C-alpha cells in the first residue's frame, strides 16, 4: 500500500515539475496517436501501436526539455 502511494506521489510530482508548454504539443500528439492506435483491429497490433505512441511521447518530452 505504501509503495503505491509513494509511486502515485512521484508520478504527480513529475507531472507538476514538467513545464506545461513543453507538454502541450506532445500531449496533443499523444492523443492523436492513441486515436489512430484504437482504430486498429488486431489486439496485438493495437497494443504495439499504443506502446509506440508512448515512446514517441517520451521522445517528444525529452526533446522539449533537453533538446536534441
PDB file of N, CA and C in Angstrom:
ATOM      1  N   UNK A   1       0.827  -1.195   0.000  1.00  0.00           N
ATOM      2  CA  UNK A   1       0.000   0.000   0.000  1.00  0.00           C
ATOM      3  C   UNK A   1       0.871   1.260   0.000  1.00  0.00           C
ATOM      4  N   UNK A   2       1.892   1.274   0.821  1.00  0.00           N
ATOM      5  CA  UNK A   2       2.764   2.440   0.919  1.00  0.00           C
ATOM      6  C   UNK A   2       3.511   2.658  -0.397  1.00  0.00           C
ATOM      7  N   UNK A   3       3.918   1.558  -1.033  1.00  0.00           N
ATOM      8  CA  UNK A   3       4.630   1.680  -2.305  1.00  0.00           C
ATOM      9  C   UNK A   3       3.748   2.322  -3.366  1.00  0.00           C
ATOM     10  N   UNK A   4       2.462   1.958  -3.391  1.00  0.00           N
ATOM     11  CA  UNK A   4       1.542   2.526  -4.382  1.00  0.00           C
ATOM     12  C   UNK A   4       1.338   4.017  -4.152  1.00  0.00           C
ATOM     13  N   UNK A   5       1.235   4.409  -2.902  1.00  0.00           N
ATOM     14  CA  UNK A   5       1.044   5.828  -2.579  1.00  0.00           C
ATOM     15  C   UNK A   5       2.291   6.622  -2.955  1.00  0.00           C
ATOM     16  N   UNK A   6       3.462   6.095  -2.641  1.00  0.00           N
ATOM     17  CA  UNK A   6       4.696   6.780  -2.999  1.00  0.00           C
ATOM     18  C   UNK A   6       4.871   6.876  -4.509  1.00  0.00           C
ATOM     19  N   UNK A   7       4.521   5.799  -5.209  1.00  0.00           N
ATOM     20  CA  UNK A   7       4.616   5.827  -6.668  1.00  0.00           C
ATOM     21  C   UNK A   7       3.663   6.868  -7.252  1.00  0.00           C
ATOM     22  N   UNK A   8       2.434   6.919  -6.750  1.00  0.00           N
ATOM     23  CA  UNK A   8       1.463   7.903  -7.228  1.00  0.00           C
ATOM     24  C   UNK A   8       1.949   9.325  -6.938  1.00  0.00           C
ATOM     25  N   UNK A   9       2.532   9.533  -5.768  1.00  0.00           N
ATOM     26  CA  UNK A   9       3.054  10.858  -5.429  1.00  0.00           C
ATOM     27  C   UNK A   9       4.211  11.223  -6.356  1.00  0.00           C
ATOM     28  N   UNK A  10       5.061  10.274  -6.670  1.00  0.00           N
ATOM     29  CA  UNK A  10       6.180  10.513  -7.580  1.00  0.00           C
ATOM     30  C   UNK A  10       5.686  10.889  -8.972  1.00  0.00           C
ATOM     31  N   UNK A  11       4.663  10.188  -9.465  1.00  0.00           N
ATOM     32  CA  UNK A  11       4.106  10.482 -10.789  1.00  0.00           C
ATOM     33  C   UNK A  11       3.493  11.880 -10.801  1.00  0.00           C
ATOM     34  N   UNK A  12       2.731  12.212  -9.782  1.00  0.00           N
ATOM     35  CA  UNK A  12       2.109  13.539  -9.710  1.00  0.00           C
ATOM     36  C   UNK A  12       3.183  14.621  -9.635  1.00  0.00           C
ATOM     37  N   UNK A  13       4.211  14.408  -8.842  1.00  0.00           N
ATOM     38  CA  UNK A  13       5.296  15.378  -8.748  1.00  0.00           C
ATOM     39  C   UNK A  13       5.984  15.548 -10.094  1.00  0.00           C
ATOM     40  N   UNK A  14       6.178  14.451 -10.809  1.00  0.00           N
ATOM     41  CA  UNK A  14       6.804  14.519 -12.129  1.00  0.00           C
ATOM     42  C   UNK A  14       5.975  15.319 -13.109  1.00  0.00           C
ATOM     43  N   UNK A  15       4.671  15.141 -13.071  1.00  0.00           N
ATOM     44  CA  UNK A  15       3.803  15.902 -13.972  1.00  0.00           C
ATOM     45  C   UNK A  15       3.763  17.379 -13.613  1.00  0.00           C
ATOM     46  N   UNK A  16       3.830  17.680 -12.337  1.00  0.00           N
ATOM     47  CA  UNK A  16       3.820  19.076 -11.898  1.00  0.00           C
ATOM     48  C   UNK A  16       5.151  19.747 -12.238  1.00  0.00           C
ATOM     49  N   UNK A  17       6.231  19.001 -12.183  1.00  0.00           N
ATOM     50  CA  UNK A  17       7.554  19.568 -12.411  1.00  0.00           C
ATOM     51  C   UNK A  17       7.813  19.904 -13.880  1.00  0.00           C
ATOM     52  N   UNK A  18       7.132  19.218 -14.792  1.00  0.00           N
ATOM     53  CA  UNK A  18       7.353  19.448 -16.222  1.00  0.00           C
ATOM     54  C   UNK A  18       6.607  20.712 -16.641  1.00  0.00           C
ATOM     55  N   UNK A  19       7.270  21.636 -17.296  1.00  0.00           N
ATOM     56  CA  UNK A  19       6.604  22.858 -17.749  1.00  0.00           C
ATOM     57  C   UNK A  19       5.446  22.550 -18.702  1.00  0.00           C
ATOM     58  N   UNK A  20       4.362  23.238 -18.545  1.00  0.00           N
ATOM     59  CA  UNK A  20       3.163  22.996 -19.353  1.00  0.00           C
ATOM     60  C   UNK A  20       3.380  23.232 -20.853  1.00  0.00           C
ATOM     61  N   UNK A  21       4.069  24.284 -21.284  1.00  0.00           N
ATOM     62  CA  UNK A  21       4.247  24.462 -22.729  1.00  0.00           C
ATOM     63  C   UNK A  21       4.994  23.293 -23.376  1.00  0.00           C
ATOM     64  N   UNK A  22       5.883  22.669 -22.644  1.00  0.00           N
ATOM     65  CA  UNK A  22       6.626  21.534 -23.198  1.00  0.00           C
ATOM     66  C   UNK A  22       5.701  20.353 -23.434  1.00  0.00           C
ATOM     67  N   UNK A  23       4.699  20.205 -22.595  1.00  0.00           N
ATOM     68  CA  UNK A  23       3.799  19.065 -22.735  1.00  0.00           C
ATOM     69  C   UNK A  23       2.632  19.329 -23.672  1.00  0.00           C
ATOM     70  N   UNK A  24       2.328  20.573 -23.970  1.00  0.00           N
ATOM     71  CA  UNK A  24       1.129  20.892 -24.749  1.00  0.00           C
ATOM     72  C   UNK A  24       1.134  20.203 -26.108  1.00  0.00           C
ATOM     73  N   UNK A  25       2.160  20.407 -26.895  1.00  0.00           N
ATOM     74  CA  UNK A  25       2.215  19.788 -28.214  1.00  0.00           C
ATOM     75  C   UNK A  25       2.390  18.289 -28.137  1.00  0.00           C
ATOM     76  N   UNK A  26       3.180  17.837 -27.174  1.00  0.00           N
ATOM     77  CA  UNK A  26       3.422  16.401 -27.024  1.00  0.00           C
ATOM     78  C   UNK A  26       2.145  15.660 -26.619  1.00  0.00           C
ATOM     79  N   UNK A  27       1.371  16.259 -25.732  1.00  0.00           N
ATOM     80  CA  UNK A  27       0.146  15.619 -25.272  1.00  0.00           C
ATOM     81  C   UNK A  27      -0.882  15.545 -26.398  1.00  0.00           C
ATOM     82  N   UNK A  28      -0.983  16.580 -27.199  1.00  0.00           N
ATOM     83  CA  UNK A  28      -1.899  16.567 -28.331  1.00  0.00           C
ATOM     84  C   UNK A  28      -1.502  15.490 -29.331  1.00  0.00           C
ATOM     85  N   UNK A  29      -0.215  15.382 -29.589  1.00  0.00           N
ATOM     86  CA  UNK A  29       0.273  14.348 -30.496  1.00  0.00           C
ATOM     87  C   UNK A  29       0.005  12.970 -29.923  1.00  0.00           C
ATOM     88  N   UNK A  30       0.187  12.801 -28.613  1.00  0.00           N
ATOM     89  CA  UNK A  30      -0.085  11.519 -27.967  1.00  0.00           C
ATOM     90  C   UNK A  30      -1.551  11.140 -28.108  1.00  0.00           C
ATOM     91  N   UNK A  31      -2.439  12.087 -27.879  1.00  0.00           N
ATOM     92  CA  UNK A  31      -3.874  11.807 -28.004  1.00  0.00           C
ATOM     93  C   UNK A  31      -4.226  11.409 -29.430  1.00  0.00           C
ATOM     94  N   UNK A  32      -3.691  12.101 -30.419  1.00  0.00           N
ATOM     95  CA  UNK A  32      -3.945  11.748 -31.817  1.00  0.00           C
ATOM     96  C   UNK A  32      -3.409  10.359 -32.139  1.00  0.00           C
ATOM     97  N   UNK A  33      -2.247  10.044 -31.607  1.00  0.00           N
ATOM     98  CA  UNK A  33      -1.643   8.732 -31.836  1.00  0.00           C
ATOM     99  C   UNK A  33      -2.506   7.632 -31.213  1.00  0.00           C
ATOM    100  N   UNK A  34      -3.022   7.861 -30.001  1.00  0.00           N
ATOM    101  CA  UNK A  34      -3.896   6.880 -29.356  1.00  0.00           C
ATOM    102  C   UNK A  34      -5.174   6.658 -30.160  1.00  0.00           C
ATOM    103  N   UNK A  35      -5.712   7.729 -30.727  1.00  0.00           N
ATOM    104  CA  UNK A  35      -6.912   7.587 -31.547  1.00  0.00           C
ATOM    105  C   UNK A  35      -6.624   6.702 -32.757  1.00  0.00           C
ATOM    106  N   UNK A  36      -5.482   6.926 -33.385  1.00  0.00           N
ATOM    107  CA  UNK A  36      -5.099   6.104 -34.536  1.00  0.00           C
ATOM    108  C   UNK A  36      -4.875   4.649 -34.120  1.00  0.00           C
ATOM    109  N   UNK A  37      -4.234   4.447 -32.977  1.00  0.00           N
ATOM    110  CA  UNK A  37      -3.971   3.086 -32.495  1.00  0.00           C
ATOM    111  C   UNK A  37      -5.272   2.369 -32.149  1.00  0.00           C
ATOM    112  N   UNK A  38      -6.241   3.095 -31.628  1.00  0.00           N
ATOM    113  CA  UNK A  38      -7.505   2.477 -31.241  1.00  0.00           C
ATOM    114  C   UNK A  38      -8.298   1.971 -32.438  1.00  0.00           C
ATOM    115  N   UNK A  39      -8.023   2.478 -33.609  1.00  0.00           N
ATOM    116  CA  UNK A  39      -8.744   2.065 -34.817  1.00  0.00           C
ATOM    117  C   UNK A  39      -8.212   0.761 -35.410  1.00  0.00           C
ATOM    118  N   UNK A  40      -7.110   0.251 -34.896  1.00  0.00           N
ATOM    119  CA  UNK A  40      -6.518  -0.981 -35.413  1.00  0.00           C
ATOM    120  C   UNK A  40      -7.316  -2.167 -34.885  1.00  0.00           C
ATOM    121  N   UNK A  41      -7.641  -3.108 -35.765  1.00  0.00           N
ATOM    122  CA  UNK A  41      -8.497  -4.239 -35.405  1.00  0.00           C
ATOM    123  C   UNK A  41      -7.794  -5.292 -34.550  1.00  0.00           C
ATOM    124  N   UNK A  42      -6.577  -5.623 -34.864  1.00  0.00           N
ATOM    125  CA  UNK A  42      -5.864  -6.678 -34.153  1.00  0.00           C
ATOM    126  C   UNK A  42      -5.417  -6.179 -32.777  1.00  0.00           C
ATOM    127  N   UNK A  43      -5.673  -6.994 -31.746  1.00  0.00           N
ATOM    128  CA  UNK A  43      -5.304  -6.614 -30.385  1.00  0.00           C
ATOM    129  C   UNK A  43      -3.809  -6.366 -30.272  1.00  0.00           C
ATOM    130  N   UNK A  44      -3.008  -7.291 -30.788  1.00  0.00           N
ATOM    131  CA  UNK A  44      -1.562  -7.179 -30.629  1.00  0.00           C
ATOM    132  C   UNK A  44      -0.992  -6.010 -31.412  1.00  0.00           C
ATOM    133  N   UNK A  45      -1.487  -5.744 -32.610  1.00  0.00           N
ATOM    134  CA  UNK A  45      -1.006  -4.587 -33.377  1.00  0.00           C
ATOM    135  C   UNK A  45      -1.459  -3.285 -32.717  1.00  0.00           C
ATOM    136  N   UNK A  46      -2.680  -3.283 -32.151  1.00  0.00           N
ATOM    137  CA  UNK A  46      -3.175  -2.100 -31.441  1.00  0.00           C
ATOM    138  C   UNK A  46      -2.328  -1.853 -30.196  1.00  0.00           C
ATOM    139  N   UNK A  47      -1.998  -2.910 -29.472  1.00  0.00           N
ATOM    140  CA  UNK A  47      -1.172  -2.809 -28.268  1.00  0.00           C
ATOM    141  C   UNK A  47       0.212  -2.269 -28.622  1.00  0.00           C
ATOM    142  N   UNK A  48       0.798  -2.805 -29.695  1.00  0.00           N
ATOM    143  CA  UNK A  48       2.119  -2.349 -30.134  1.00  0.00           C
ATOM    144  C   UNK A  48       2.070  -0.885 -30.579  1.00  0.00           C
ATOM    145  N   UNK A  49       0.999  -0.503 -31.252  1.00  0.00           N
ATOM    146  CA  UNK A  49       0.858   0.888 -31.686  1.00  0.00           C
ATOM    147  C   UNK A  49       0.734   1.820 -30.473  1.00  0.00           C
ATOM    148  N   UNK A  50       0.033   1.363 -29.434  1.00  0.00           N
ATOM    149  CA  UNK A  50      -0.079   2.157 -28.209  1.00  0.00           C
ATOM    150  C   UNK A  50       1.270   2.338 -27.532  1.00  0.00           C
ATOM    151  N   UNK A  51       2.078   1.271 -27.504  1.00  0.00           N
ATOM    152  CA  UNK A  51       3.431   1.391 -26.950  1.00  0.00           C
ATOM    153  C   UNK A  51       4.278   2.356 -27.775  1.00  0.00           C
ATOM    154  N   UNK A  52       4.118   2.296 -29.085  1.00  0.00           N
ATOM    155  CA  UNK A  52       4.852   3.209 -29.957  1.00  0.00           C
ATOM    156  C   UNK A  52       4.446   4.653 -29.669  1.00  0.00           C
ATOM    157  N   UNK A  53       3.161   4.871 -29.409  1.00  0.00           N
ATOM    158  CA  UNK A  53       2.689   6.216 -29.055  1.00  0.00           C
ATOM    159  C   UNK A  53       3.385   6.717 -27.794  1.00  0.00           C
ATOM    160  N   UNK A  54       3.507   5.844 -26.804  1.00  0.00           N
ATOM    161  CA  UNK A  54       4.134   6.259 -25.553  1.00  0.00           C
ATOM    162  C   UNK A  54       5.621   6.540 -25.736  1.00  0.00           C
ATOM    163  N   UNK A  55       6.282   5.754 -26.570  1.00  0.00           N
ATOM    164  CA  UNK A  55       7.691   6.009 -26.846  1.00  0.00           C
ATOM    165  C   UNK A  55       7.881   7.339 -27.573  1.00  0.00           C
ATOM    166  N   UNK A  56       7.001   7.633 -28.517  1.00  0.00           N
ATOM    167  CA  UNK A  56       7.077   8.914 -29.227  1.00  0.00           C
ATOM    168  C   UNK A  56       6.816  10.078 -28.275  1.00  0.00           C
ATOM    169  N   UNK A  57       5.876   9.895 -27.334  1.00  0.00           N
ATOM    170  CA  UNK A  57       5.581  10.930 -26.348  1.00  0.00           C
ATOM    171  C   UNK A  57       6.807  11.190 -25.466  1.00  0.00           C
ATOM    172  N   UNK A  58       7.444  10.117 -25.017  1.00  0.00           N
ATOM    173  CA  UNK A  58       8.637  10.249 -24.192  1.00  0.00           C
ATOM    174  C   UNK A  58       9.736  10.989 -24.942  1.00  0.00           C
ATOM    175  N   UNK A  59       9.921  10.646 -26.195  1.00  0.00           N
ATOM    176  CA  UNK A  59      10.933  11.314 -27.018  1.00  0.00           C
ATOM    177  C   UNK A  59      10.584  12.794 -27.209  1.00  0.00           C
ATOM    178  N   UNK A  60       9.315  13.084 -27.434  1.00  0.00           N
ATOM    179  CA  UNK A  60       8.882  14.473 -27.623  1.00  0.00           C
ATOM    180  C   UNK A  60       9.161  15.297 -26.368  1.00  0.00           C
ATOM    181  N   UNK A  61       8.813  14.764 -25.208  1.00  0.00           N
ATOM    182  CA  UNK A  61       9.037  15.487 -23.954  1.00  0.00           C
ATOM    183  C   UNK A  61      10.542  15.672 -23.730  1.00  0.00           C
ATOM    184  N   UNK A  62      11.324  14.661 -24.015  1.00  0.00           N
ATOM    185  CA  UNK A  62      12.777  14.763 -23.845  1.00  0.00           C
ATOM    186  C   UNK A  62      13.338  15.867 -24.733  1.00  0.00           C
ATOM    187  N   UNK A  63      12.883  15.923 -25.978  1.00  0.00           N
ATOM    188  CA  UNK A  63      13.368  16.949 -26.901  1.00  0.00           C
ATOM    189  C   UNK A  63      12.937  18.335 -26.430  1.00  0.00           C
ATOM    190  N   UNK A  64      11.704  18.452 -25.942  1.00  0.00           N
ATOM    191  CA  UNK A  64      11.221  19.753 -25.471  1.00  0.00           C
ATOM    192  C   UNK A  64      11.983  20.237 -24.245  1.00  0.00           C
ATOM    193  N   UNK A  65      12.362  19.319 -23.368  1.00  0.00           N
ATOM    194  CA  UNK A  65      13.033  19.714 -22.129  1.00  0.00           C
ATOM    195  C   UNK A  65      14.535  19.850 -22.277  1.00  0.00           C
ATOM    196  N   UNK A  66      15.148  18.909 -22.993  1.00  0.00           N
ATOM    197  CA  UNK A  66      16.607  18.872 -23.070  1.00  0.00           C
ATOM    198  C   UNK A  66      17.119  19.379 -24.404  1.00  0.00           C
ATOM    199  N   UNK A  67      16.392  19.105 -25.442  1.00  0.00           N
ATOM    200  CA  UNK A  67      16.848  19.422 -26.794  1.00  0.00           C
ATOM    201  C   UNK A  67      17.436  18.202 -27.453  1.00  0.00           C
ATOM    202  N   UNK A  68      17.807  18.338 -28.661  1.00  0.00           N
ATOM    203  CA  UNK A  68      18.345  17.185 -29.397  1.00  0.00           C
ATOM    204  C   UNK A  68      19.686  16.877 -28.931  1.00  0.00           C
TER     205      UNK A  68
END
